[in-house]
Every structure is written in C-alpha cells, then in structure tokens.
Amino acid sequence: MRADLAAGGELVRTLGAYVDASGDVRRAAERLVLHPNTLRYRLRRARERYGVDLDDPDTRLLVTLAVRLTGDV
C-alpha cells in the first residue's frame, strides 16, 4: 500500500512539473532531476492509472488547475 501511495505521489509531482513546464518534457525532467525517458514513462503511468489524457486541452486545463490548487507545483 505504501509503495502505491508513493508511486501516486511521484505521478502527481510528475504531472505538476509537466504542466508547469507547459508540456516541455526536457524542462520538466530537468526540474525533477530525471532522465526525459523516465518522465515519459511516468506520464504513461499517469495516463494508465488515472485516465489522464494530456493531449486533450480540457483535461490538461483540469490537471493544471488541480495541481495548482493542491500546491504541488
């Protein structure tokens, strides 16, 4: 259970960094001190786990607002 919660937290931080970087994988990866491929993997996991489609403008807006409201950015 703890591992799942920790992984969920990483995914939320990843989404936060990604939307804060305006979808720039390289910048978001640098911010999180990750390889860009690791960031891409986490974005795929977020899509699988939470059904987040960051290609959809409405979803991206909602994710951006949610991340800002939680203060994880």
N, C-alpha and C. Protein backbone atom coordinates (compact mmCIF):
# COMPACT_ATOMS: atom_id res chain seq x y z
N MET A 1 0.82 -1.19 0.00
CA MET A 1 0.00 0.00 0.00
C MET A 1 0.87 1.26 0.00
N ARG A 2 1.88 1.30 0.84
CA ARG A 2 2.75 2.48 0.89
C ARG A 2 3.45 2.72 -0.45
N ALA A 3 3.89 1.63 -1.07
CA ALA A 3 4.57 1.78 -2.37
C ALA A 3 3.62 2.38 -3.40
N ASP A 4 2.36 1.98 -3.37
CA ASP A 4 1.37 2.52 -4.30
C ASP A 4 1.14 4.00 -4.03
N LEU A 5 1.05 4.38 -2.76
CA LEU A 5 0.87 5.79 -2.43
C LEU A 5 2.08 6.61 -2.84
N ALA A 6 3.28 6.06 -2.61
CA ALA A 6 4.50 6.77 -3.01
C ALA A 6 4.54 6.93 -4.52
N ALA A 7 4.18 5.88 -5.25
CA ALA A 7 4.17 5.96 -6.71
C ALA A 7 3.14 6.98 -7.17
N GLY A 8 1.98 7.02 -6.50
CA GLY A 8 0.96 8.00 -6.85
C GLY A 8 1.46 9.41 -6.62
N GLY A 9 2.20 9.62 -5.55
CA GLY A 9 2.77 10.94 -5.28
C GLY A 9 3.77 11.35 -6.34
N GLU A 10 4.58 10.39 -6.79
CA GLU A 10 5.54 10.68 -7.86
C GLU A 10 4.82 11.05 -9.15
N LEU A 11 3.73 10.37 -9.41
CA LEU A 11 2.97 10.67 -10.63
C LEU A 11 2.36 12.06 -10.55
N VAL A 12 1.87 12.43 -9.38
CA VAL A 12 1.29 13.76 -9.22
C VAL A 12 2.36 14.83 -9.38
N ARG A 13 3.54 14.61 -8.77
CA ARG A 13 4.64 15.57 -8.93
C ARG A 13 5.08 15.65 -10.39
N THR A 14 5.08 14.51 -11.06
CA THR A 14 5.44 14.48 -12.48
C THR A 14 4.44 15.30 -13.30
N LEU A 15 3.15 15.09 -13.06
CA LEU A 15 2.13 15.87 -13.76
C LEU A 15 2.29 17.35 -13.47
N GLY A 16 2.57 17.68 -12.22
CA GLY A 16 2.77 19.08 -11.84
C GLY A 16 3.92 19.72 -12.58
N ALA A 17 5.05 19.02 -12.62
CA ALA A 17 6.22 19.55 -13.31
C ALA A 17 5.95 19.68 -14.81
N TYR A 18 5.24 18.71 -15.36
CA TYR A 18 4.94 18.71 -16.79
C TYR A 18 4.05 19.89 -17.17
N VAL A 19 2.98 20.12 -16.42
CA VAL A 19 2.10 21.24 -16.75
C VAL A 19 2.78 22.57 -16.45
N ASP A 20 3.62 22.60 -15.41
CA ASP A 20 4.34 23.84 -15.09
C ASP A 20 5.34 24.19 -16.20
N ALA A 21 5.87 23.16 -16.86
CA ALA A 21 6.82 23.36 -17.96
C ALA A 21 6.09 23.50 -19.30
N SER A 22 4.79 23.70 -19.25
CA SER A 22 3.96 23.86 -20.46
C SER A 22 4.11 22.70 -21.43
N GLY A 23 4.24 21.49 -20.86
CA GLY A 23 4.32 20.29 -21.69
C GLY A 23 5.70 20.01 -22.27
N ASP A 24 6.70 20.74 -21.83
CA ASP A 24 8.08 20.52 -22.31
C ASP A 24 8.72 19.42 -21.47
N VAL A 25 8.85 18.24 -22.06
CA VAL A 25 9.37 17.07 -21.34
C VAL A 25 10.78 17.33 -20.81
N ARG A 26 11.63 17.92 -21.62
CA ARG A 26 13.01 18.15 -21.20
C ARG A 26 13.08 19.06 -19.97
N ARG A 27 12.34 20.17 -20.01
CA ARG A 27 12.35 21.10 -18.87
C ARG A 27 11.76 20.46 -17.62
N ALA A 28 10.68 19.72 -17.78
CA ALA A 28 10.06 19.06 -16.63
C ALA A 28 11.01 18.02 -16.04
N ALA A 29 11.69 17.28 -16.91
CA ALA A 29 12.65 16.26 -16.43
C ALA A 29 13.80 16.92 -15.68
N GLU A 30 14.29 18.03 -16.20
CA GLU A 30 15.37 18.75 -15.51
C GLU A 30 14.91 19.22 -14.14
N ARG A 31 13.70 19.72 -14.07
CA ARG A 31 13.18 20.20 -12.80
C ARG A 31 13.10 19.08 -11.77
N LEU A 32 12.72 17.89 -12.22
CA LEU A 32 12.59 16.75 -11.32
C LEU A 32 13.89 15.96 -11.17
N VAL A 33 14.92 16.38 -11.90
CA VAL A 33 16.23 15.71 -11.92
C VAL A 33 16.03 14.25 -12.35
N LEU A 34 15.40 14.11 -13.51
CA LEU A 34 15.14 12.80 -14.11
C LEU A 34 15.61 12.78 -15.55
N HIS A 35 15.79 11.60 -16.06
CA HIS A 35 16.02 11.45 -17.49
C HIS A 35 14.67 11.68 -18.19
N PRO A 36 14.66 12.33 -19.34
CA PRO A 36 13.39 12.56 -20.05
C PRO A 36 12.59 11.28 -20.30
N ASN A 37 13.27 10.17 -20.55
CA ASN A 37 12.54 8.91 -20.75
C ASN A 37 11.81 8.46 -19.49
N THR A 38 12.39 8.74 -18.32
CA THR A 38 11.72 8.41 -17.07
C THR A 38 10.46 9.24 -16.92
N LEU A 39 10.56 10.50 -17.29
CA LEU A 39 9.39 11.37 -17.23
C LEU A 39 8.31 10.87 -18.18
N ARG A 40 8.70 10.49 -19.38
CA ARG A 40 7.72 9.95 -20.35
C ARG A 40 7.05 8.70 -19.81
N TYR A 41 7.84 7.84 -19.16
CA TYR A 41 7.29 6.62 -18.56
C TYR A 41 6.25 6.99 -17.50
N ARG A 42 6.59 7.94 -16.65
CA ARG A 42 5.66 8.34 -15.59
C ARG A 42 4.39 8.95 -16.17
N LEU A 43 4.52 9.70 -17.24
CA LEU A 43 3.32 10.27 -17.88
C LEU A 43 2.43 9.15 -18.44
N ARG A 44 3.05 8.12 -19.00
CA ARG A 44 2.27 6.96 -19.47
C ARG A 44 1.56 6.28 -18.31
N ARG A 45 2.27 6.13 -17.18
CA ARG A 45 1.68 5.51 -15.99
C ARG A 45 0.50 6.34 -15.48
N ALA A 46 0.64 7.66 -15.47
CA ALA A 46 -0.45 8.52 -15.03
C ALA A 46 -1.66 8.35 -15.95
N ARG A 47 -1.39 8.22 -17.23
CA ARG A 47 -2.48 8.00 -18.19
C ARG A 47 -3.19 6.68 -17.90
N GLU A 48 -2.39 5.63 -17.64
CA GLU A 48 -2.97 4.31 -17.35
C GLU A 48 -3.71 4.30 -16.01
N ARG A 49 -3.09 4.86 -15.00
CA ARG A 49 -3.65 4.79 -13.64
C ARG A 49 -4.84 5.72 -13.45
N TYR A 50 -4.72 6.95 -13.93
CA TYR A 50 -5.75 7.96 -13.66
C TYR A 50 -6.60 8.31 -14.87
N GLY A 51 -6.27 7.75 -16.03
CA GLY A 51 -7.03 8.08 -17.24
C GLY A 51 -6.80 9.50 -17.71
N VAL A 52 -5.63 10.05 -17.41
CA VAL A 52 -5.30 11.43 -17.76
C VAL A 52 -4.77 11.47 -19.19
N ASP A 53 -5.51 12.15 -20.07
CA ASP A 53 -5.07 12.32 -21.45
C ASP A 53 -4.59 13.76 -21.62
N LEU A 54 -3.29 13.97 -21.50
CA LEU A 54 -2.74 15.31 -21.56
C LEU A 54 -2.76 15.90 -22.96
N ASP A 55 -3.15 15.12 -23.96
CA ASP A 55 -3.31 15.64 -25.31
C ASP A 55 -4.66 16.37 -25.47
N ASP A 56 -5.59 16.08 -24.57
CA ASP A 56 -6.90 16.72 -24.60
C ASP A 56 -6.82 18.07 -23.87
N PRO A 57 -7.12 19.18 -24.55
CA PRO A 57 -6.97 20.51 -23.94
C PRO A 57 -7.80 20.69 -22.66
N ASP A 58 -9.01 20.15 -22.64
CA ASP A 58 -9.85 20.29 -21.44
C ASP A 58 -9.25 19.54 -20.25
N THR A 59 -8.77 18.34 -20.51
CA THR A 59 -8.15 17.55 -19.45
C THR A 59 -6.89 18.23 -18.96
N ARG A 60 -6.12 18.74 -19.89
CA ARG A 60 -4.88 19.43 -19.50
C ARG A 60 -5.17 20.64 -18.61
N LEU A 61 -6.21 21.38 -18.95
CA LEU A 61 -6.61 22.52 -18.13
C LEU A 61 -7.02 22.06 -16.73
N LEU A 62 -7.82 21.01 -16.66
CA LEU A 62 -8.26 20.50 -15.36
C LEU A 62 -7.08 20.00 -14.52
N VAL A 63 -6.14 19.32 -15.16
CA VAL A 63 -4.95 18.85 -14.44
C VAL A 63 -4.14 20.04 -13.94
N THR A 64 -3.98 21.03 -14.78
CA THR A 64 -3.24 22.23 -14.38
C THR A 64 -3.89 22.89 -13.17
N LEU A 65 -5.20 23.05 -13.21
CA LEU A 65 -5.91 23.65 -12.08
C LEU A 65 -5.79 22.80 -10.82
N ALA A 66 -5.95 21.50 -10.96
CA ALA A 66 -5.86 20.60 -9.81
C ALA A 66 -4.47 20.66 -9.17
N VAL A 67 -3.45 20.66 -9.99
CA VAL A 67 -2.09 20.72 -9.47
C VAL A 67 -1.85 22.05 -8.76
N ARG A 68 -2.32 23.12 -9.34
CA ARG A 68 -2.14 24.44 -8.72
C ARG A 68 -2.89 24.51 -7.39
N LEU A 69 -4.09 23.97 -7.35
CA LEU A 69 -4.88 24.02 -6.12
C LEU A 69 -4.29 23.17 -5.00
N THR A 70 -3.62 22.07 -5.37
CA THR A 70 -3.02 21.23 -4.33
C THR A 70 -1.70 21.78 -3.85
N GLY A 71 -1.13 22.72 -4.62
CA GLY A 71 0.13 23.32 -4.21
C GLY A 71 1.33 22.44 -4.44
N ASP A 72 1.22 21.43 -5.31
CA ASP A 72 2.34 20.52 -5.57
C ASP A 72 3.31 21.07 -6.59
N VAL A 73 3.07 22.26 -7.09
CA VAL A 73 3.99 22.86 -8.07
C VAL A 73 4.88 23.83 -7.36
